[in-house]
Amino acid sequence: MGKKTTKDLAKAAGVSLATVDRVLNGRGGVRQATAERVTAAIKELNYVRDISAANLARSKEYKLVFLLPDHDDELTEMIHITINEANLSMAHERTTVSIIRVPANDPHRVAQEIDGLSADNVDGVAIMAPETAQVRDAILRLDSRDIAVVAFISNQPNAQNAHFVGINNEAAGRTAGQLLARFIGERQGTVLAVTETMQSRDSLERRLGFDAIMAKYAPRLRVHPSMETYADEARTAKIVAAALHNNPEIVGIYLMSHDISETMQAIEAQRIPQKYVIIGHELTKHTRARLVDGTMDAIITQDVGHLVYNSIRVLKARITRIGVLASQERIRIEIILRENLPEDFQTSC
């Protein structure tokens, strides 16, 4: 059997080609019952739309935006580089991708930038921002302007129109707990958990998963309340120094946020001879170096290239109102040790 066409759909649904085109492109002027017949025909015939051909015929151009925090950290830099590479590689697909930087810790500014997006110059937006009421409401308002949206790395579960592209952070926290408990072995002691802010859903979910594993499989270890650095170098140095000096029984440290350079510097500055098991997130040049020299024991990461390209694919699918295959868009949790470091990582970022 050959590939099904819009003519086959029209015949199966008993409608005109113009009606099929309206349904496929989400345009009005089609009765609900008629649209349902076309949808049923799509499922019955297992019709797969040739988006590239359709876009070429209509001279369709995708104008996409990534809304990123203005943090000056390695992960954000890697994302920025990957987006620029994607922009160059997809020029022949009539796709342009731009970047807007916003203060991540100012939800009102983030919401203002989202509200400033117009369907005249933006078809879809990928948003990397902490979950707040202001950001959630701004994302929900995108529907009224017919702008597709994905939640990029940072989930926005209460904004139902935002498809999430990122790892399962609760599972990532459970993974960190298993690794930490196994690397510590039978030693008893306490564990520090450090993050930039617990207002981040990523950190909340990671801590939830981490605590579940600690309670179930490592009751010999006591986990301290989460320490928040607020990305402040002086505060980080102060609270880390106090925690390490006041708790000589510490045997492990879980770094929940992706920007850990200041925290690691604060740990190393104490020059305490005791060896801690340290687990962190995201493979960057900094964490790679710490794995190589043995300061860190494992990194839980997600592939930046997959994140960016999956976000673009999902946005384009939502713009054209076609479904996405969950199995293809799922972002895997990867565990990186010194022994399996990617050889080409240094040149790729």
C-alpha atoms as a PDB file:
ATOM      1  CA  MET A   1       0.000   0.000   0.000  1.00  0.00           C
ATOM      2  CA  GLY A   2       1.304   3.410  -0.973  1.00  0.00           C
ATOM      3  CA  LYS A   3       1.533   6.482   1.177  1.00  0.00           C
ATOM      4  CA  LYS A   4      -1.860   8.012   1.919  1.00  0.00           C
ATOM      5  CA  THR A   5      -2.586  11.469   0.566  1.00  0.00           C
ATOM      6  CA  THR A   6      -5.025  14.260   1.341  1.00  0.00           C
ATOM      7  CA  LYS A   7      -7.139  12.969  -1.563  1.00  0.00           C
ATOM      8  CA  ASP A   8      -7.457   9.643   0.264  1.00  0.00           C
ATOM      9  CA  LEU A   9      -8.489  11.511   3.417  1.00  0.00           C
ATOM     10  CA  ALA A  10     -11.087  13.537   1.544  1.00  0.00           C
ATOM     11  CA  LYS A  11     -12.565  10.404  -0.029  1.00  0.00           C
ATOM     12  CA  ALA A  12     -12.641   8.453   3.236  1.00  0.00           C
ATOM     13  CA  ALA A  13     -14.239  11.336   5.141  1.00  0.00           C
ATOM     14  CA  GLY A  14     -16.615  12.293   2.305  1.00  0.00           C
ATOM     15  CA  VAL A  15     -15.437  15.913   2.222  1.00  0.00           C
ATOM     16  CA  SER A  16     -13.605  18.231  -0.140  1.00  0.00           C
ATOM     17  CA  LEU A  17      -9.846  18.739  -0.300  1.00  0.00           C
ATOM     18  CA  ALA A  18     -10.374  22.300   0.940  1.00  0.00           C
ATOM     19  CA  THR A  19     -12.089  20.970   4.067  1.00  0.00           C
ATOM     20  CA  VAL A  20      -9.254  18.525   4.720  1.00  0.00           C
ATOM     21  CA  ASP A  21      -6.783  21.385   4.388  1.00  0.00           C
ATOM     22  CA  ARG A  22      -8.719  23.498   6.892  1.00  0.00           C
ATOM     23  CA  VAL A  23      -8.770  20.668   9.440  1.00  0.00           C
ATOM     24  CA  LEU A  24      -5.073  19.847   9.015  1.00  0.00           C
ATOM     25  CA  ASN A  25      -4.093  23.486   9.455  1.00  0.00           C
ATOM     26  CA  GLY A  26      -6.487  24.232  12.303  1.00  0.00           C
ATOM     27  CA  ARG A  27      -8.438  26.875  10.421  1.00  0.00           C
ATOM     28  CA  GLY A  28     -12.060  27.702  11.130  1.00  0.00           C
ATOM     29  CA  GLY A  29     -15.128  27.281   8.961  1.00  0.00           C
ATOM     30  CA  VAL A  30     -15.522  23.525   9.530  1.00  0.00           C
ATOM     31  CA  ARG A  31     -18.388  22.033  11.503  1.00  0.00           C
ATOM     32  CA  GLN A  32     -17.451  19.907  14.504  1.00  0.00           C
ATOM     33  CA  ALA A  33     -19.010  16.746  13.057  1.00  0.00           C
ATOM     34  CA  THR A  34     -17.149  17.241   9.763  1.00  0.00           C
ATOM     35  CA  ALA A  35     -13.834  17.814  11.555  1.00  0.00           C
ATOM     36  CA  GLU A  36     -14.416  14.625  13.550  1.00  0.00           C
ATOM     37  CA  ARG A  37     -14.938  12.647  10.311  1.00  0.00           C
ATOM     38  CA  VAL A  38     -11.639  13.942   8.971  1.00  0.00           C
ATOM     39  CA  THR A  39      -9.883  13.098  12.259  1.00  0.00           C
ATOM     40  CA  ALA A  40     -11.352   9.589  12.196  1.00  0.00           C
ATOM     41  CA  ALA A  41     -10.137   9.142   8.615  1.00  0.00           C
ATOM     42  CA  ILE A  42      -6.637  10.231   9.634  1.00  0.00           C
ATOM     43  CA  LYS A  43      -6.550   7.506  12.301  1.00  0.00           C
ATOM     44  CA  GLU A  44      -8.168   4.874  10.070  1.00  0.00           C
ATOM     45  CA  LEU A  45      -5.752   5.446   7.192  1.00  0.00           C
ATOM     46  CA  ASN A  46      -2.769   6.004   9.511  1.00  0.00           C
ATOM     47  CA  TYR A  47      -2.142   9.205   7.605  1.00  0.00           C
ATOM     48  CA  VAL A  48       1.242  10.859   8.218  1.00  0.00           C
ATOM     49  CA  ARG A  49       1.463  14.421   7.032  1.00  0.00           C
ATOM     50  CA  ASP A  50       4.464  15.535   4.948  1.00  0.00           C
ATOM     51  CA  ILE A  51       5.109  18.749   6.860  1.00  0.00           C
ATOM     52  CA  SER A  52       8.135  19.750   4.803  1.00  0.00           C
ATOM     53  CA  ALA A  53       6.194  19.572   1.568  1.00  0.00           C
ATOM     54  CA  ALA A  54       3.221  21.409   3.073  1.00  0.00           C
ATOM     55  CA  ASN A  55       5.424  24.166   4.404  1.00  0.00           C
ATOM     56  CA  LEU A  56       7.262  24.499   1.107  1.00  0.00           C
ATOM     57  CA  ALA A  57       3.980  24.790  -0.750  1.00  0.00           C
ATOM     58  CA  ARG A  58       2.777  27.547   1.590  1.00  0.00           C
ATOM     59  CA  SER A  59       6.242  29.111   2.000  1.00  0.00           C
ATOM     60  CA  LYS A  60       5.788  28.546   5.736  1.00  0.00           C
ATOM     61  CA  GLU A  61       8.545  29.831   7.984  1.00  0.00           C
ATOM     62  CA  TYR A  62       8.911  28.872  11.643  1.00  0.00           C
ATOM     63  CA  LYS A  63       9.955  31.708  13.935  1.00  0.00           C
ATOM     64  CA  LEU A  64      10.980  30.250  17.280  1.00  0.00           C
ATOM     65  CA  VAL A  65      12.319  31.820  20.454  1.00  0.00           C
ATOM     66  CA  PHE A  66      14.192  30.376  23.450  1.00  0.00           C
ATOM     67  CA  LEU A  67      13.631  32.354  26.646  1.00  0.00           C
ATOM     68  CA  LEU A  68      16.719  31.675  28.792  1.00  0.00           C
ATOM     69  CA  PRO A  69      17.890  32.946  32.195  1.00  0.00           C
ATOM     70  CA  ASP A  70      20.605  35.580  32.129  1.00  0.00           C
ATOM     71  CA  HIS A  71      22.839  33.446  34.359  1.00  0.00           C
ATOM     72  CA  ASP A  72      26.490  33.432  33.325  1.00  0.00           C
ATOM     73  CA  ASP A  73      27.035  29.708  33.880  1.00  0.00           C
ATOM     74  CA  GLU A  74      28.395  26.882  31.769  1.00  0.00           C
ATOM     75  CA  LEU A  75      25.107  25.064  31.182  1.00  0.00           C
ATOM     76  CA  THR A  76      23.376  28.186  29.879  1.00  0.00           C
ATOM     77  CA  GLU A  77      26.397  28.887  27.683  1.00  0.00           C
ATOM     78  CA  MET A  78      26.223  25.358  26.256  1.00  0.00           C
ATOM     79  CA  ILE A  79      22.508  25.791  25.535  1.00  0.00           C
ATOM     80  CA  HIS A  80      23.206  29.121  23.832  1.00  0.00           C
ATOM     81  CA  ILE A  81      25.891  27.557  21.597  1.00  0.00           C
ATOM     82  CA  THR A  82      23.654  24.611  20.692  1.00  0.00           C
ATOM     83  CA  ILE A  83      20.753  26.902  19.752  1.00  0.00           C
ATOM     84  CA  ASN A  84      23.038  28.898  17.475  1.00  0.00           C
ATOM     85  CA  GLU A  85      24.230  25.666  15.843  1.00  0.00           C
ATOM     86  CA  ALA A  86      20.626  24.541  15.357  1.00  0.00           C
ATOM     87  CA  ASN A  87      19.749  27.882  13.828  1.00  0.00           C
ATOM     88  CA  LEU A  88      22.463  27.465  11.220  1.00  0.00           C
ATOM     89  CA  SER A  89      21.687  23.826  10.475  1.00  0.00           C
ATOM     90  CA  MET A  90      17.947  24.388   9.977  1.00  0.00           C
ATOM     91  CA  ALA A  91      18.082  27.419   7.704  1.00  0.00           C
ATOM     92  CA  HIS A  92      17.097  25.189   4.775  1.00  0.00           C
ATOM     93  CA  GLU A  93      14.009  24.116   6.745  1.00  0.00           C
ATOM     94  CA  ARG A  94      12.729  27.689   6.868  1.00  0.00           C
ATOM     95  CA  THR A  95      13.289  27.751  10.614  1.00  0.00           C
ATOM     96  CA  THR A  96      14.854  30.622  12.532  1.00  0.00           C
ATOM     97  CA  VAL A  97      15.601  30.467  16.237  1.00  0.00           C
ATOM     98  CA  SER A  98      16.373  33.489  18.393  1.00  0.00           C
ATOM     99  CA  ILE A  99      17.265  33.883  22.066  1.00  0.00           C
ATOM    100  CA  ILE A 100      15.905  36.240  24.709  1.00  0.00           C
ATOM    101  CA  ARG A 101      17.718  36.492  28.057  1.00  0.00           C
ATOM    102  CA  VAL A 102      15.707  37.377  31.167  1.00  0.00           C
ATOM    103  CA  PRO A 103      16.474  37.708  34.905  1.00  0.00           C
ATOM    104  CA  ALA A 104      15.569  34.236  36.144  1.00  0.00           C
ATOM    105  CA  ASN A 105      14.884  35.375  39.701  1.00  0.00           C
ATOM    106  CA  ASP A 106      12.461  38.120  38.663  1.00  0.00           C
ATOM    107  CA  PRO A 107       9.178  36.386  37.744  1.00  0.00           C
ATOM    108  CA  HIS A 108       7.531  39.690  36.860  1.00  0.00           C
ATOM    109  CA  ARG A 109      10.210  40.412  34.223  1.00  0.00           C
ATOM    110  CA  VAL A 110       9.907  36.881  32.850  1.00  0.00           C
ATOM    111  CA  ALA A 111       6.119  37.247  32.591  1.00  0.00           C
ATOM    112  CA  GLN A 112       6.558  40.658  30.956  1.00  0.00           C
ATOM    113  CA  GLU A 113       8.826  39.188  28.269  1.00  0.00           C
ATOM    114  CA  ILE A 114       6.357  36.366  27.606  1.00  0.00           C
ATOM    115  CA  ASP A 115       3.455  38.813  27.369  1.00  0.00           C
ATOM    116  CA  GLY A 116       5.489  40.889  24.909  1.00  0.00           C
ATOM    117  CA  LEU A 117       5.685  38.038  22.382  1.00  0.00           C
ATOM    118  CA  SER A 118       3.444  38.522  19.370  1.00  0.00           C
ATOM    119  CA  ALA A 119       2.188  35.984  16.855  1.00  0.00           C
ATOM    120  CA  ASP A 120       3.225  38.467  14.173  1.00  0.00           C
ATOM    121  CA  ASN A 121       6.884  37.584  14.746  1.00  0.00           C
ATOM    122  CA  VAL A 122       6.868  34.458  16.953  1.00  0.00           C
ATOM    123  CA  ASP A 123       5.289  31.066  16.230  1.00  0.00           C
ATOM    124  CA  GLY A 124       6.618  29.195  19.252  1.00  0.00           C
ATOM    125  CA  VAL A 125       8.636  29.737  22.403  1.00  0.00           C
ATOM    126  CA  ALA A 126      10.675  27.475  24.686  1.00  0.00           C
ATOM    127  CA  ILE A 127      10.743  28.856  28.228  1.00  0.00           C
ATOM    128  CA  MET A 128      13.404  28.071  30.821  1.00  0.00           C
ATOM    129  CA  ALA A 129      12.252  29.750  34.030  1.00  0.00           C
ATOM    130  CA  PRO A 130      11.320  28.841  37.616  1.00  0.00           C
ATOM    131  CA  GLU A 131       7.671  27.990  38.161  1.00  0.00           C
ATOM    132  CA  THR A 132       5.786  30.945  39.637  1.00  0.00           C
ATOM    133  CA  ALA A 133       2.210  32.168  39.446  1.00  0.00           C
ATOM    134  CA  GLN A 134       3.262  35.072  37.234  1.00  0.00           C
ATOM    135  CA  VAL A 135       5.108  32.861  34.749  1.00  0.00           C
ATOM    136  CA  ARG A 136       2.345  30.243  34.752  1.00  0.00           C
ATOM    137  CA  ASP A 137      -0.342  32.815  33.934  1.00  0.00           C
ATOM    138  CA  ALA A 138       1.783  34.401  31.204  1.00  0.00           C
ATOM    139  CA  ILE A 139       2.307  30.983  29.609  1.00  0.00           C
ATOM    140  CA  LEU A 140      -1.416  30.258  29.714  1.00  0.00           C
ATOM    141  CA  ARG A 141      -2.085  33.574  27.955  1.00  0.00           C
ATOM    142  CA  LEU A 142       0.020  32.421  24.989  1.00  0.00           C
ATOM    143  CA  ASP A 143      -2.892  30.227  23.878  1.00  0.00           C
ATOM    144  CA  SER A 144      -5.030  33.267  23.125  1.00  0.00           C
ATOM    145  CA  ARG A 145      -2.284  34.573  20.813  1.00  0.00           C
ATOM    146  CA  ASP A 146      -1.849  31.188  19.106  1.00  0.00           C
ATOM    147  CA  ILE A 147       1.807  30.856  20.130  1.00  0.00           C
ATOM    148  CA  ALA A 148       3.043  27.312  20.797  1.00  0.00           C
ATOM    149  CA  VAL A 149       5.041  26.786  23.991  1.00  0.00           C
ATOM    150  CA  VAL A 150       7.280  24.221  25.644  1.00  0.00           C
ATOM    151  CA  ALA A 151       8.694  24.265  29.157  1.00  0.00           C
ATOM    152  CA  PHE A 152      12.424  23.879  28.574  1.00  0.00           C
ATOM    153  CA  ILE A 153      14.396  21.973  31.270  1.00  0.00           C
ATOM    154  CA  SER A 154      12.337  23.656  34.032  1.00  0.00           C
ATOM    155  CA  ASN A 155       8.859  22.147  34.132  1.00  0.00           C
ATOM    156  CA  GLN A 156       5.666  24.220  34.331  1.00  0.00           C
ATOM    157  CA  PRO A 157       3.128  21.496  35.250  1.00  0.00           C
ATOM    158  CA  ASN A 158       0.354  23.944  36.148  1.00  0.00           C
ATOM    159  CA  ALA A 159       0.505  25.518  32.684  1.00  0.00           C
ATOM    160  CA  GLN A 160      -1.302  22.785  30.789  1.00  0.00           C
ATOM    161  CA  ASN A 161      -0.429  24.233  27.390  1.00  0.00           C
ATOM    162  CA  ALA A 162       3.333  23.892  27.999  1.00  0.00           C
ATOM    163  CA  HIS A 163       4.800  20.579  26.819  1.00  0.00           C
ATOM    164  CA  PHE A 164       7.760  19.701  29.079  1.00  0.00           C
ATOM    165  CA  VAL A 165      11.138  18.921  27.501  1.00  0.00           C
ATOM    166  CA  GLY A 166      13.556  17.672  30.140  1.00  0.00           C
ATOM    167  CA  ILE A 167      14.342  14.803  32.444  1.00  0.00           C
ATOM    168  CA  ASN A 168      12.138  13.415  35.201  1.00  0.00           C
ATOM    169  CA  ASN A 169      13.739  15.284  38.096  1.00  0.00           C
ATOM    170  CA  GLU A 170      12.255  13.093  40.803  1.00  0.00           C
ATOM    171  CA  ALA A 171      13.823  10.086  39.097  1.00  0.00           C
ATOM    172  CA  ALA A 172      17.081  12.028  38.834  1.00  0.00           C
ATOM    173  CA  GLY A 173      16.963  12.630  42.585  1.00  0.00           C
ATOM    174  CA  ARG A 174      16.351   8.935  43.219  1.00  0.00           C
ATOM    175  CA  THR A 175      19.315   8.121  40.996  1.00  0.00           C
ATOM    176  CA  ALA A 176      21.505  10.513  42.964  1.00  0.00           C
ATOM    177  CA  GLY A 177      20.381   8.870  46.204  1.00  0.00           C
ATOM    178  CA  GLN A 178      21.251   5.390  44.986  1.00  0.00           C
ATOM    179  CA  LEU A 179      24.666   6.467  43.752  1.00  0.00           C
ATOM    180  CA  LEU A 180      25.500   8.344  46.930  1.00  0.00           C
ATOM    181  CA  ALA A 181      24.394   5.511  49.204  1.00  0.00           C
ATOM    182  CA  ARG A 182      26.342   2.901  47.225  1.00  0.00           C
ATOM    183  CA  PHE A 183      29.514   4.986  46.998  1.00  0.00           C
ATOM    184  CA  ILE A 184      29.458   5.739  50.727  1.00  0.00           C
ATOM    185  CA  GLY A 185      29.149   2.043  51.491  1.00  0.00           C
ATOM    186  CA  GLU A 186      28.449   0.976  55.049  1.00  0.00           C
ATOM    187  CA  ARG A 187      29.757   4.158  56.648  1.00  0.00           C
ATOM    188  CA  GLN A 188      27.390   6.075  58.861  1.00  0.00           C
ATOM    189  CA  GLY A 189      27.118   9.836  58.944  1.00  0.00           C
ATOM    190  CA  THR A 190      25.273  12.802  57.539  1.00  0.00           C
ATOM    191  CA  VAL A 191      24.723  14.168  54.050  1.00  0.00           C
ATOM    192  CA  LEU A 192      24.547  17.783  52.890  1.00  0.00           C
ATOM    193  CA  ALA A 193      22.106  18.814  50.166  1.00  0.00           C
ATOM    194  CA  VAL A 194      22.961  22.121  48.486  1.00  0.00           C
ATOM    195  CA  THR A 195      21.090  24.064  45.815  1.00  0.00           C
ATOM    196  CA  GLU A 196      20.685  27.584  44.516  1.00  0.00           C
ATOM    197  CA  THR A 197      17.063  27.830  45.624  1.00  0.00           C
ATOM    198  CA  MET A 198      14.325  25.482  46.732  1.00  0.00           C
ATOM    199  CA  GLN A 199      11.830  27.674  44.896  1.00  0.00           C
ATOM    200  CA  SER A 200      12.990  25.835  41.777  1.00  0.00           C
ATOM    201  CA  ARG A 201      10.710  22.888  40.964  1.00  0.00           C
ATOM    202  CA  ASP A 202      13.773  21.017  39.689  1.00  0.00           C
ATOM    203  CA  SER A 203      15.349  21.113  43.152  1.00  0.00           C
ATOM    204  CA  LEU A 204      12.075  20.330  44.913  1.00  0.00           C
ATOM    205  CA  GLU A 205      11.502  17.219  42.812  1.00  0.00           C
ATOM    206  CA  ARG A 206      15.133  16.107  43.046  1.00  0.00           C
ATOM    207  CA  ARG A 207      15.080  16.451  46.815  1.00  0.00           C
ATOM    208  CA  LEU A 208      11.816  14.500  46.993  1.00  0.00           C
ATOM    209  CA  GLY A 209      13.273  11.607  45.020  1.00  0.00           C
ATOM    210  CA  PHE A 210      16.575  11.758  46.911  1.00  0.00           C
ATOM    211  CA  ASP A 211      14.882  11.626  50.326  1.00  0.00           C
ATOM    212  CA  ALA A 212      12.728   8.674  49.269  1.00  0.00           C
ATOM    213  CA  ILE A 213      15.818   6.599  48.468  1.00  0.00           C
ATOM    214  CA  MET A 214      17.696   7.725  51.571  1.00  0.00           C
ATOM    215  CA  ALA A 215      14.799   6.740  53.816  1.00  0.00           C
ATOM    216  CA  LYS A 216      14.255   3.379  52.133  1.00  0.00           C
ATOM    217  CA  TYR A 217      17.761   2.147  51.419  1.00  0.00           C
ATOM    218  CA  ALA A 218      20.145   4.201  53.554  1.00  0.00           C
ATOM    219  CA  PRO A 219      18.591   4.879  56.975  1.00  0.00           C
ATOM    220  CA  ARG A 220      22.143   4.927  58.386  1.00  0.00           C
ATOM    221  CA  LEU A 221      22.604   8.305  56.666  1.00  0.00           C
ATOM    222  CA  ARG A 222      20.927  11.483  57.903  1.00  0.00           C
ATOM    223  CA  VAL A 223      20.275  14.180  55.315  1.00  0.00           C
ATOM    224  CA  HIS A 224      20.456  17.796  56.481  1.00  0.00           C
ATOM    225  CA  PRO A 225      17.814  20.343  55.449  1.00  0.00           C
ATOM    226  CA  SER A 226      18.521  21.827  52.020  1.00  0.00           C
ATOM    227  CA  MET A 227      21.063  24.642  52.019  1.00  0.00           C
ATOM    228  CA  GLU A 228      20.305  27.493  49.591  1.00  0.00           C
ATOM    229  CA  THR A 229      23.124  29.568  48.093  1.00  0.00           C
ATOM    230  CA  TYR A 230      20.934  32.014  46.105  1.00  0.00           C
ATOM    231  CA  ALA A 231      23.853  32.126  43.617  1.00  0.00           C
ATOM    232  CA  ASP A 232      25.660  34.463  46.019  1.00  0.00           C
ATOM    233  CA  GLU A 233      29.387  33.736  46.249  1.00  0.00           C
ATOM    234  CA  ALA A 234      29.860  35.233  49.733  1.00  0.00           C
ATOM    235  CA  ARG A 235      26.816  33.441  51.117  1.00  0.00           C
ATOM    236  CA  THR A 236      27.911  30.160  49.532  1.00  0.00           C
ATOM    237  CA  ALA A 237      31.384  30.348  51.077  1.00  0.00           C
ATOM    238  CA  LYS A 238      29.935  31.197  54.490  1.00  0.00           C
ATOM    239  CA  ILE A 239      27.255  28.505  54.750  1.00  0.00           C
ATOM    240  CA  VAL A 240      29.413  25.749  53.255  1.00  0.00           C
ATOM    241  CA  ALA A 241      32.313  26.534  55.608  1.00  0.00           C
ATOM    242  CA  ALA A 242      29.980  26.552  58.606  1.00  0.00           C
ATOM    243  CA  ALA A 243      28.319  23.268  57.611  1.00  0.00           C
ATOM    244  CA  LEU A 244      31.585  21.400  57.053  1.00  0.00           C
ATOM    245  CA  HIS A 245      33.264  22.652  60.241  1.00  0.00           C
ATOM    246  CA  ASN A 246      30.218  22.091  62.449  1.00  0.00           C
ATOM    247  CA  ASN A 247      29.434  18.615  61.127  1.00  0.00           C
ATOM    248  CA  PRO A 248      32.558  16.435  61.183  1.00  0.00           C
ATOM    249  CA  GLU A 249      30.390  13.372  60.551  1.00  0.00           C
ATOM    250  CA  ILE A 250      29.555  14.455  56.979  1.00  0.00           C
ATOM    251  CA  VAL A 251      30.265  11.674  54.481  1.00  0.00           C
ATOM    252  CA  GLY A 252      28.385  12.844  51.378  1.00  0.00           C
ATOM    253  CA  ILE A 253      27.252  15.960  49.542  1.00  0.00           C
ATOM    254  CA  TYR A 254      24.441  16.204  46.983  1.00  0.00           C
ATOM    255  CA  LEU A 255      24.591  19.263  44.717  1.00  0.00           C
ATOM    256  CA  MET A 256      21.088  19.662  43.299  1.00  0.00           C
ATOM    257  CA  SER A 257      21.431  22.676  40.987  1.00  0.00           C
ATOM    258  CA  HIS A 258      23.426  22.792  37.760  1.00  0.00           C
ATOM    259  CA  ASP A 259      25.706  25.760  38.586  1.00  0.00           C
ATOM    260  CA  ILE A 260      27.975  24.299  41.256  1.00  0.00           C
ATOM    261  CA  SER A 261      31.275  26.080  40.632  1.00  0.00           C
ATOM    262  CA  GLU A 262      30.983  28.405  43.652  1.00  0.00           C
ATOM    263  CA  THR A 263      29.846  25.560  45.916  1.00  0.00           C
ATOM    264  CA  MET A 264      32.746  23.352  44.844  1.00  0.00           C
ATOM    265  CA  GLN A 265      35.201  26.203  45.394  1.00  0.00           C
ATOM    266  CA  ALA A 266      33.798  26.693  48.888  1.00  0.00           C
ATOM    267  CA  ILE A 267      34.147  22.968  49.644  1.00  0.00           C
ATOM    268  CA  GLU A 268      37.714  22.801  48.363  1.00  0.00           C
ATOM    269  CA  ALA A 269      38.706  25.965  50.236  1.00  0.00           C
ATOM    270  CA  GLN A 270      38.122  24.220  53.568  1.00  0.00           C
ATOM    271  CA  ARG A 271      40.971  21.753  52.922  1.00  0.00           C
ATOM    272  CA  ILE A 272      39.357  19.217  55.208  1.00  0.00           C
ATOM    273  CA  PRO A 273      41.153  15.893  54.740  1.00  0.00           C
ATOM    274  CA  GLN A 274      37.991  13.799  55.024  1.00  0.00           C
ATOM    275  CA  LYS A 275      36.884  12.414  51.674  1.00  0.00           C
ATOM    276  CA  TYR A 276      33.304  13.217  50.801  1.00  0.00           C
ATOM    277  CA  VAL A 277      31.254  11.403  48.204  1.00  0.00           C
ATOM    278  CA  ILE A 278      29.923  14.190  45.958  1.00  0.00           C
ATOM    279  CA  ILE A 279      27.161  13.780  43.385  1.00  0.00           C
ATOM    280  CA  GLY A 280      26.056  16.646  41.106  1.00  0.00           C
ATOM    281  CA  HIS A 281      24.089  17.518  38.009  1.00  0.00           C
ATOM    282  CA  GLU A 282      24.952  18.449  34.408  1.00  0.00           C
ATOM    283  CA  LEU A 283      28.156  17.690  32.550  1.00  0.00           C
ATOM    284  CA  THR A 284      30.082  20.905  31.973  1.00  0.00           C
ATOM    285  CA  LYS A 285      33.784  21.695  31.654  1.00  0.00           C
ATOM    286  CA  HIS A 286      33.834  22.388  35.391  1.00  0.00           C
ATOM    287  CA  THR A 287      32.176  19.149  36.498  1.00  0.00           C
ATOM    288  CA  ARG A 288      34.231  17.186  33.974  1.00  0.00           C
ATOM    289  CA  ALA A 289      37.426  18.504  35.549  1.00  0.00           C
ATOM    290  CA  ARG A 290      36.135  17.536  39.004  1.00  0.00           C
ATOM    291  CA  LEU A 291      35.384  14.013  37.823  1.00  0.00           C
ATOM    292  CA  VAL A 292      38.837  13.686  36.296  1.00  0.00           C
ATOM    293  CA  ASP A 293      40.651  14.798  39.468  1.00  0.00           C
ATOM    294  CA  GLY A 294      38.400  12.675  41.689  1.00  0.00           C
ATOM    295  CA  THR A 295      36.791  15.541  43.608  1.00  0.00           C
ATOM    296  CA  MET A 296      33.360  14.515  42.345  1.00  0.00           C
ATOM    297  CA  ASP A 297      32.199  10.928  42.052  1.00  0.00           C
ATOM    298  CA  ALA A 298      29.334  11.059  39.544  1.00  0.00           C
ATOM    299  CA  ILE A 299      27.310  13.475  37.435  1.00  0.00           C
ATOM    300  CA  ILE A 300      23.659  13.048  36.485  1.00  0.00           C
ATOM    301  CA  THR A 301      23.116  14.825  33.197  1.00  0.00           C
ATOM    302  CA  GLN A 302      20.836  15.374  30.227  1.00  0.00           C
ATOM    303  CA  ASP A 303      22.058  15.841  26.677  1.00  0.00           C
ATOM    304  CA  VAL A 304      21.891  19.533  25.754  1.00  0.00           C
ATOM    305  CA  GLY A 305      21.686  18.779  22.031  1.00  0.00           C
ATOM    306  CA  HIS A 306      18.694  16.487  22.557  1.00  0.00           C
ATOM    307  CA  LEU A 307      17.013  19.113  24.734  1.00  0.00           C
ATOM    308  CA  VAL A 308      17.338  21.867  22.136  1.00  0.00           C
ATOM    309  CA  TYR A 309      16.456  19.832  19.053  1.00  0.00           C
ATOM    310  CA  ASN A 310      13.571  18.056  20.803  1.00  0.00           C
ATOM    311  CA  SER A 311      12.181  21.427  21.856  1.00  0.00           C
ATOM    312  CA  ILE A 312      12.325  22.651  18.267  1.00  0.00           C
ATOM    313  CA  ARG A 313      10.660  19.487  16.954  1.00  0.00           C
ATOM    314  CA  VAL A 314       7.883  19.689  19.553  1.00  0.00           C
ATOM    315  CA  LEU A 315       7.270  23.387  18.868  1.00  0.00           C
ATOM    316  CA  LYS A 316       7.009  22.765  15.129  1.00  0.00           C
ATOM    317  CA  ALA A 317       4.649  19.852  15.727  1.00  0.00           C
ATOM    318  CA  ARG A 318       2.432  21.972  17.957  1.00  0.00           C
ATOM    319  CA  ILE A 319       2.446  24.857  15.480  1.00  0.00           C
ATOM    320  CA  THR A 320       1.279  22.534  12.703  1.00  0.00           C
ATOM    321  CA  ARG A 321      -1.075  20.704  15.090  1.00  0.00           C
ATOM    322  CA  ILE A 322       0.338  17.242  14.582  1.00  0.00           C
ATOM    323  CA  GLY A 323       1.092  14.823  17.382  1.00  0.00           C
ATOM    324  CA  VAL A 324       4.492  13.971  18.790  1.00  0.00           C
ATOM    325  CA  LEU A 325       5.814  10.503  19.563  1.00  0.00           C
ATOM    326  CA  ALA A 326       6.540  10.431  23.284  1.00  0.00           C
ATOM    327  CA  SER A 327       9.101   7.656  22.847  1.00  0.00           C
ATOM    328  CA  GLN A 328      11.143   9.830  20.477  1.00  0.00           C
ATOM    329  CA  GLU A 329      10.957  12.997  22.555  1.00  0.00           C
ATOM    330  CA  ARG A 330      11.777  11.492  25.948  1.00  0.00           C
ATOM    331  CA  ILE A 331      14.965  12.903  27.468  1.00  0.00           C
ATOM    332  CA  ARG A 332      17.033  10.216  29.148  1.00  0.00           C
ATOM    333  CA  ILE A 333      18.820  10.516  32.472  1.00  0.00           C
ATOM    334  CA  GLU A 334      22.520   9.827  31.936  1.00  0.00           C
ATOM    335  CA  ILE A 335      25.053   8.879  34.620  1.00  0.00           C
ATOM    336  CA  ILE A 336      28.587  10.074  33.920  1.00  0.00           C
ATOM    337  CA  LEU A 337      31.594   8.710  35.815  1.00  0.00           C
ATOM    338  CA  ARG A 338      35.270   9.380  35.251  1.00  0.00           C
ATOM    339  CA  GLU A 339      35.461   6.050  33.444  1.00  0.00           C
ATOM    340  CA  ASN A 340      32.823   6.874  30.794  1.00  0.00           C
ATOM    341  CA  LEU A 341      33.454  10.564  30.123  1.00  0.00           C
ATOM    342  CA  PRO A 342      32.680  11.436  26.467  1.00  0.00           C
ATOM    343  CA  GLU A 343      36.012  11.912  24.695  1.00  0.00           C
ATOM    344  CA  ASP A 344      34.659  14.677  22.451  1.00  0.00           C
ATOM    345  CA  PHE A 345      32.981  16.653  25.231  1.00  0.00           C
ATOM    346  CA  GLN A 346      35.701  19.285  25.515  1.00  0.00           C
ATOM    347  CA  THR A 347      35.448  20.250  21.869  1.00  0.00           C
ATOM    348  CA  SER A 348      31.653  20.101  21.780  1.00  0.00           C
ATOM    349  CA  CYS A 349      31.135  22.816  24.379  1.00  0.00           C
END
